[in-house]
């Protein structure tokens, strides 16, 4: 019971992280028209937020193992909100880049600090990680929906300013009610002899998978989420993809429904382990990602939803593995390293999408590359250690 309040704030922080990072890729559909620039050229401005996110993640992980995590989360809420407000007042490309860089820098706090706190508070429960993952993915859904509606009604600037104000207010609430529960750091018992040798071998295989998942999985996740609003605008057709609000609503439904896949995955992780889950989810991503770049009209919605169910369902796997194979005092740093790989790739995703889109006038090549990336992650999953639950061991 005593952990529910800090867990609620940590889950809300995950929602706000992905919401804030998804505002620009949706609002850019209106920004590039207002500024009289091309979609690809304007979308590339968002690279600043992902570069800052990658740069800030390692120091955030280092701080997360040394500074009380509750204090870092307060800085996260307030800083994220202030940066979003500044983006809403951007007068042109340069000020937008500066605001988005600040947004990414504060957003970098969440994953190495917030996820490590949840792992510690819940003992690495797959179910808790899955619930937190759903909150994060609802942030994507909320961003594309609310950004689309607010942009149509009040303009793109309020799509940044309104959630920025909400973040700052939420930080004030966290200061009053979150408490110090997120600061707990527990250590794991040291293993001895042959058990220690086997455990180190399993750790190496886990780290290989985490590294591949960070790089290639990060390309898949960030590529799909950033491209989806424009993919819907281009390939749904006039009868399905109308104004920005309608496109945002359709993308939001796909994100929201897709995120629910994490709930059964979280339960299964605690029962059968990561290997069979990762092998199944990633293998199915390969054909569906390829098809997403080729589908048009209503078929695109079904293909996109199926692909996102698999992509989002895979999210708790890495955090669950780190919770099982990394000691508590090191978890923020290992989480930071895993996320910095994904974020380093994500920093290249927006310019890559922009370049390939302009070169090919579509998304076919982009989604073919995403499918190839899924095949690489599957190969890494083959070598994951087999898991025996406590119940099975008993």
Foldseek 3Di string as FASTA:
>chain_A
DVQPLLLVLLLLLLLLLLLLLLQCLLQLVVVCVVVVHDSLVSLLLLLLLLVLLLVQQQVLLVVLLPPQLLVLSLCLLLQLLVLLLQCLVDPDSVSNSVSSNSNSNSSSNRFLRSLLLQCQLPVLQLQSLLSSLLSNLLSLLVNQQVQLVCCVVPRNSCSRNVVSVVSNVSSVVSVVTNPRSSRDFAWDDDDDDPVNVVLVVLVVLLLLLLLLCQALVLLLVLLCSSCQLVLCCPFQDCVQDPGSNSSSNLVSVLSNLLSVLSNVLSVVCLAWNQLVLLLVLLVVLLVLLLVLQVHGHPVNSVSSSSNSNSSNNNVSRSSSVLSVNPTRSNRSNSSSVSNSSSSVNSSVSSSVCSVVCVVVVGCNVVSNSSSVSSVSSSVSSNSNDTDDHPVNVD
